[in-house]
Amino acid sequence: MNVAPLLGTWINTNANSRGITRIEISAQDDGLLRIAAQDWEATSLPFALDRFDSTEGMAFSTDTGKVRLQANIKGGVLVVAAMTAGEPNTWVREFYYRRTA
């Protein structure tokens, strides 16, 4: 699967967000994605969303035990639903753009 659309540093479009401000996604040799944000990191298997026969990774889901992310690319924007366990439990949906060099 081509995971290039997911790779890179993604910056929250809301500069005042109290949630995840930046997500870094890289590919590992085992086919998994390495997802790092704030003070945690996780791995996830990428999957395609746009067509049944697509070979382009456009989404992922991951869970660190305290944070669960579900993300997909829509119109070049990474749309992330983040659920956190704690006091209080939270759910937010935020949007990220890929930082270019």
N, C-alpha and C. Protein backbone atom coordinates (compact mmCIF):
# COMPACT_ATOMS: atom_id res chain seq x y z
N MET A 1 0.85 -1.18 0.00
CA MET A 1 0.00 0.00 0.00
C MET A 1 0.89 1.24 0.00
N ASN A 2 0.55 2.20 -0.82
CA ASN A 2 1.25 3.47 -0.88
C ASN A 2 0.75 4.36 0.26
N VAL A 3 1.60 4.65 1.23
CA VAL A 3 1.19 5.45 2.38
C VAL A 3 1.64 6.90 2.28
N ALA A 4 2.24 7.27 1.16
CA ALA A 4 2.78 8.62 1.00
C ALA A 4 1.78 9.73 1.34
N PRO A 5 0.49 9.58 0.99
CA PRO A 5 -0.45 10.66 1.32
C PRO A 5 -0.57 10.95 2.82
N LEU A 6 -0.26 9.96 3.65
CA LEU A 6 -0.38 10.13 5.10
C LEU A 6 0.89 10.66 5.76
N LEU A 7 2.02 10.50 5.12
CA LEU A 7 3.31 10.78 5.75
C LEU A 7 3.59 12.27 5.88
N GLY A 8 4.32 12.60 6.94
CA GLY A 8 4.77 13.98 7.13
C GLY A 8 4.37 14.53 8.47
N THR A 9 4.60 15.81 8.62
CA THR A 9 4.23 16.53 9.83
C THR A 9 2.94 17.30 9.54
N TRP A 10 1.94 17.05 10.34
CA TRP A 10 0.62 17.66 10.18
C TRP A 10 0.41 18.65 11.33
N ILE A 11 0.00 19.87 10.99
CA ILE A 11 -0.17 20.95 11.97
C ILE A 11 -1.66 21.27 12.10
N ASN A 12 -2.12 21.43 13.34
CA ASN A 12 -3.52 21.75 13.61
C ASN A 12 -3.86 23.10 12.97
N THR A 13 -4.98 23.17 12.27
CA THR A 13 -5.39 24.42 11.63
C THR A 13 -5.85 25.45 12.67
N ASN A 14 -6.17 25.00 13.88
CA ASN A 14 -6.58 25.90 14.96
C ASN A 14 -5.37 26.18 15.84
N ALA A 15 -4.76 27.32 15.66
CA ALA A 15 -3.56 27.68 16.43
C ALA A 15 -3.84 27.75 17.93
N ASN A 16 -5.10 27.91 18.32
CA ASN A 16 -5.47 28.00 19.74
C ASN A 16 -5.98 26.69 20.32
N SER A 17 -5.80 25.60 19.59
CA SER A 17 -6.30 24.31 20.06
C SER A 17 -5.65 23.93 21.39
N ARG A 18 -6.46 23.37 22.28
CA ARG A 18 -5.93 22.85 23.54
C ARG A 18 -5.67 21.35 23.42
N GLY A 19 -5.92 20.81 22.23
CA GLY A 19 -5.72 19.39 21.97
C GLY A 19 -4.37 19.14 21.32
N ILE A 20 -4.36 18.22 20.38
CA ILE A 20 -3.14 17.84 19.68
C ILE A 20 -2.80 18.94 18.68
N THR A 21 -1.63 19.53 18.80
CA THR A 21 -1.25 20.63 17.93
C THR A 21 -0.48 20.17 16.71
N ARG A 22 0.13 18.99 16.80
CA ARG A 22 0.97 18.51 15.69
C ARG A 22 1.02 16.99 15.74
N ILE A 23 0.97 16.38 14.57
CA ILE A 23 1.06 14.92 14.45
C ILE A 23 2.13 14.61 13.42
N GLU A 24 3.03 13.71 13.79
CA GLU A 24 4.06 13.27 12.86
C GLU A 24 3.80 11.83 12.48
N ILE A 25 3.75 11.57 11.17
CA ILE A 25 3.47 10.22 10.68
C ILE A 25 4.61 9.78 9.78
N SER A 26 5.15 8.61 10.07
CA SER A 26 6.22 8.05 9.24
C SER A 26 5.95 6.57 9.01
N ALA A 27 6.58 6.03 7.98
CA ALA A 27 6.40 4.62 7.64
C ALA A 27 7.49 3.79 8.32
N GLN A 28 7.13 2.61 8.74
CA GLN A 28 8.09 1.66 9.31
C GLN A 28 8.31 0.53 8.30
N ASP A 29 9.39 -0.20 8.47
CA ASP A 29 9.72 -1.30 7.56
C ASP A 29 8.68 -2.42 7.58
N ASP A 30 7.94 -2.55 8.68
CA ASP A 30 6.97 -3.64 8.80
C ASP A 30 5.61 -3.32 8.18
N GLY A 31 5.49 -2.17 7.51
CA GLY A 31 4.24 -1.79 6.87
C GLY A 31 3.32 -0.98 7.76
N LEU A 32 3.68 -0.83 9.02
CA LEU A 32 2.87 -0.03 9.93
C LEU A 32 3.27 1.44 9.84
N LEU A 33 2.39 2.31 10.28
CA LEU A 33 2.70 3.72 10.41
C LEU A 33 3.14 3.99 11.84
N ARG A 34 4.09 4.89 12.02
CA ARG A 34 4.46 5.38 13.35
C ARG A 34 3.80 6.75 13.49
N ILE A 35 2.97 6.90 14.50
CA ILE A 35 2.23 8.13 14.72
C ILE A 35 2.70 8.71 16.05
N ALA A 36 3.22 9.93 16.02
CA ALA A 36 3.72 10.58 17.22
C ALA A 36 3.01 11.93 17.38
N ALA A 37 2.54 12.18 18.60
CA ALA A 37 1.89 13.44 18.91
C ALA A 37 2.02 13.70 20.40
N GLN A 38 2.19 14.97 20.74
CA GLN A 38 2.32 15.36 22.14
C GLN A 38 3.39 14.49 22.82
N ASP A 39 3.04 13.79 23.87
CA ASP A 39 4.01 13.00 24.62
C ASP A 39 3.80 11.50 24.45
N TRP A 40 3.25 11.08 23.33
CA TRP A 40 3.01 9.65 23.09
C TRP A 40 3.28 9.31 21.64
N GLU A 41 3.42 8.02 21.41
CA GLU A 41 3.50 7.53 20.04
C GLU A 41 2.86 6.16 19.97
N ALA A 42 2.43 5.81 18.77
CA ALA A 42 1.74 4.55 18.56
C ALA A 42 2.00 4.08 17.14
N THR A 43 1.58 2.86 16.86
CA THR A 43 1.66 2.36 15.50
C THR A 43 0.26 2.00 15.02
N SER A 44 0.12 1.97 13.72
CA SER A 44 -1.19 1.68 13.14
C SER A 44 -1.00 1.13 11.74
N LEU A 45 -1.94 0.32 11.33
CA LEU A 45 -1.96 -0.19 9.97
C LEU A 45 -2.80 0.77 9.13
N PRO A 46 -2.23 1.34 8.06
CA PRO A 46 -3.01 2.26 7.23
C PRO A 46 -4.05 1.50 6.41
N PHE A 47 -5.09 2.19 6.03
CA PHE A 47 -6.07 1.57 5.15
C PHE A 47 -6.62 2.61 4.19
N ALA A 48 -7.23 2.13 3.11
CA ALA A 48 -7.77 2.99 2.06
C ALA A 48 -9.24 3.27 2.32
N LEU A 49 -9.69 4.42 1.90
CA LEU A 49 -11.09 4.80 2.10
C LEU A 49 -11.84 5.06 0.82
N ASP A 50 -11.17 5.59 -0.19
CA ASP A 50 -11.91 6.12 -1.32
C ASP A 50 -12.52 5.07 -2.25
N ARG A 51 -11.86 3.93 -2.40
CA ARG A 51 -12.40 2.88 -3.26
C ARG A 51 -12.03 1.51 -2.66
N PHE A 52 -12.84 0.55 -2.96
CA PHE A 52 -12.58 -0.81 -2.47
C PHE A 52 -11.24 -1.35 -2.96
N ASP A 53 -10.89 -1.04 -4.21
CA ASP A 53 -9.66 -1.57 -4.80
C ASP A 53 -8.48 -0.61 -4.71
N SER A 54 -8.58 0.44 -3.92
CA SER A 54 -7.52 1.42 -3.82
C SER A 54 -6.28 0.84 -3.15
N THR A 55 -5.13 1.28 -3.58
CA THR A 55 -3.87 0.87 -2.96
C THR A 55 -3.19 2.05 -2.28
N GLU A 56 -3.91 3.15 -2.14
CA GLU A 56 -3.37 4.35 -1.52
C GLU A 56 -3.92 4.49 -0.10
N GLY A 57 -3.02 4.50 0.88
CA GLY A 57 -3.44 4.65 2.26
C GLY A 57 -3.97 6.04 2.52
N MET A 58 -5.20 6.14 2.95
CA MET A 58 -5.84 7.43 3.18
C MET A 58 -6.39 7.59 4.59
N ALA A 59 -6.21 6.57 5.44
CA ALA A 59 -6.79 6.64 6.77
C ALA A 59 -6.05 5.70 7.71
N PHE A 60 -6.27 5.93 9.03
CA PHE A 60 -5.74 5.02 10.03
C PHE A 60 -6.54 5.17 11.31
N SER A 61 -6.40 4.20 12.17
CA SER A 61 -6.99 4.22 13.49
C SER A 61 -5.94 3.67 14.44
N THR A 62 -5.78 4.30 15.59
CA THR A 62 -4.79 3.83 16.55
C THR A 62 -5.27 4.10 17.97
N ASP A 63 -4.72 3.37 18.91
CA ASP A 63 -5.15 3.48 20.30
C ASP A 63 -3.94 3.29 21.20
N THR A 64 -3.66 4.26 22.07
CA THR A 64 -2.54 4.15 23.00
C THR A 64 -2.99 3.66 24.37
N GLY A 65 -4.26 3.44 24.54
CA GLY A 65 -4.80 3.08 25.85
C GLY A 65 -5.43 4.29 26.52
N LYS A 66 -4.84 5.46 26.33
CA LYS A 66 -5.41 6.70 26.86
C LYS A 66 -5.98 7.58 25.75
N VAL A 67 -5.43 7.44 24.55
CA VAL A 67 -5.86 8.25 23.42
C VAL A 67 -6.20 7.34 22.25
N ARG A 68 -7.35 7.55 21.64
CA ARG A 68 -7.73 6.82 20.44
C ARG A 68 -7.90 7.85 19.32
N LEU A 69 -7.21 7.61 18.20
CA LEU A 69 -7.33 8.48 17.05
C LEU A 69 -7.95 7.72 15.90
N GLN A 70 -8.83 8.38 15.19
CA GLN A 70 -9.36 7.89 13.93
C GLN A 70 -9.18 9.03 12.96
N ALA A 71 -8.47 8.78 11.86
CA ALA A 71 -8.12 9.87 10.95
C ALA A 71 -8.29 9.45 9.50
N ASN A 72 -8.61 10.43 8.69
CA ASN A 72 -8.68 10.22 7.25
C ASN A 72 -8.34 11.52 6.53
N ILE A 73 -7.89 11.38 5.30
CA ILE A 73 -7.58 12.56 4.49
C ILE A 73 -8.80 12.89 3.65
N LYS A 74 -9.20 14.14 3.69
CA LYS A 74 -10.35 14.63 2.91
C LYS A 74 -9.94 15.95 2.29
N GLY A 75 -9.83 15.98 0.97
CA GLY A 75 -9.47 17.22 0.28
C GLY A 75 -8.09 17.73 0.67
N GLY A 76 -7.16 16.84 0.96
CA GLY A 76 -5.81 17.25 1.34
C GLY A 76 -5.65 17.61 2.81
N VAL A 77 -6.73 17.54 3.56
CA VAL A 77 -6.71 17.86 4.99
C VAL A 77 -6.81 16.57 5.79
N LEU A 78 -6.02 16.44 6.85
CA LEU A 78 -6.12 15.29 7.74
C LEU A 78 -7.19 15.61 8.78
N VAL A 79 -8.28 14.84 8.77
CA VAL A 79 -9.38 15.02 9.70
C VAL A 79 -9.20 13.98 10.81
N VAL A 80 -9.08 14.45 12.04
CA VAL A 80 -8.77 13.55 13.16
C VAL A 80 -9.85 13.65 14.23
N ALA A 81 -10.42 12.51 14.57
CA ALA A 81 -11.29 12.41 15.74
C ALA A 81 -10.43 11.82 16.85
N ALA A 82 -10.32 12.54 17.95
CA ALA A 82 -9.49 12.10 19.08
C ALA A 82 -10.37 11.90 20.30
N MET A 83 -10.27 10.72 20.89
CA MET A 83 -11.00 10.40 22.10
C MET A 83 -9.98 10.12 23.19
N THR A 84 -10.15 10.75 24.33
CA THR A 84 -9.21 10.54 25.43
C THR A 84 -9.95 10.03 26.65
N ALA A 85 -9.28 9.14 27.37
CA ALA A 85 -9.83 8.60 28.61
C ALA A 85 -9.21 9.39 29.77
N GLY A 86 -10.00 9.76 30.71
CA GLY A 86 -9.49 10.51 31.86
C GLY A 86 -10.60 11.30 32.49
N GLU A 87 -10.20 12.28 33.23
CA GLU A 87 -11.18 13.14 33.91
C GLU A 87 -11.09 14.53 33.33
N PRO A 88 -11.98 14.94 32.49
CA PRO A 88 -13.09 14.16 31.95
C PRO A 88 -12.69 13.43 30.68
N ASN A 89 -13.50 12.46 30.27
CA ASN A 89 -13.32 11.85 28.96
C ASN A 89 -13.66 12.91 27.93
N THR A 90 -12.90 12.94 26.82
CA THR A 90 -13.15 13.97 25.82
C THR A 90 -13.22 13.35 24.43
N TRP A 91 -13.90 14.06 23.54
CA TRP A 91 -13.94 13.71 22.12
C TRP A 91 -13.87 15.03 21.37
N VAL A 92 -12.92 15.11 20.42
CA VAL A 92 -12.82 16.30 19.58
C VAL A 92 -12.53 15.87 18.15
N ARG A 93 -12.92 16.71 17.23
CA ARG A 93 -12.55 16.52 15.83
C ARG A 93 -11.81 17.77 15.41
N GLU A 94 -10.60 17.56 14.90
CA GLU A 94 -9.77 18.68 14.49
C GLU A 94 -9.20 18.42 13.10
N PHE A 95 -8.70 19.48 12.50
CA PHE A 95 -8.23 19.43 11.11
C PHE A 95 -6.78 19.86 11.06
N TYR A 96 -6.01 19.18 10.20
CA TYR A 96 -4.57 19.40 10.13
C TYR A 96 -4.13 19.57 8.67
N TYR A 97 -3.16 20.46 8.47
CA TYR A 97 -2.55 20.62 7.15
C TYR A 97 -1.13 20.09 7.23
N ARG A 98 -0.64 19.62 6.09
CA ARG A 98 0.72 19.06 6.07
C ARG A 98 1.71 20.21 5.91
N ARG A 99 2.67 20.22 6.83
CA ARG A 99 3.74 21.23 6.76
C ARG A 99 4.66 20.87 5.60
N THR A 100 4.92 21.82 4.78
CA THR A 100 5.85 21.61 3.66
C THR A 100 7.19 22.21 4.00
N ALA A 101 8.22 21.67 3.41
CA ALA A 101 9.60 22.11 3.69
C ALA A 101 9.81 23.52 3.34
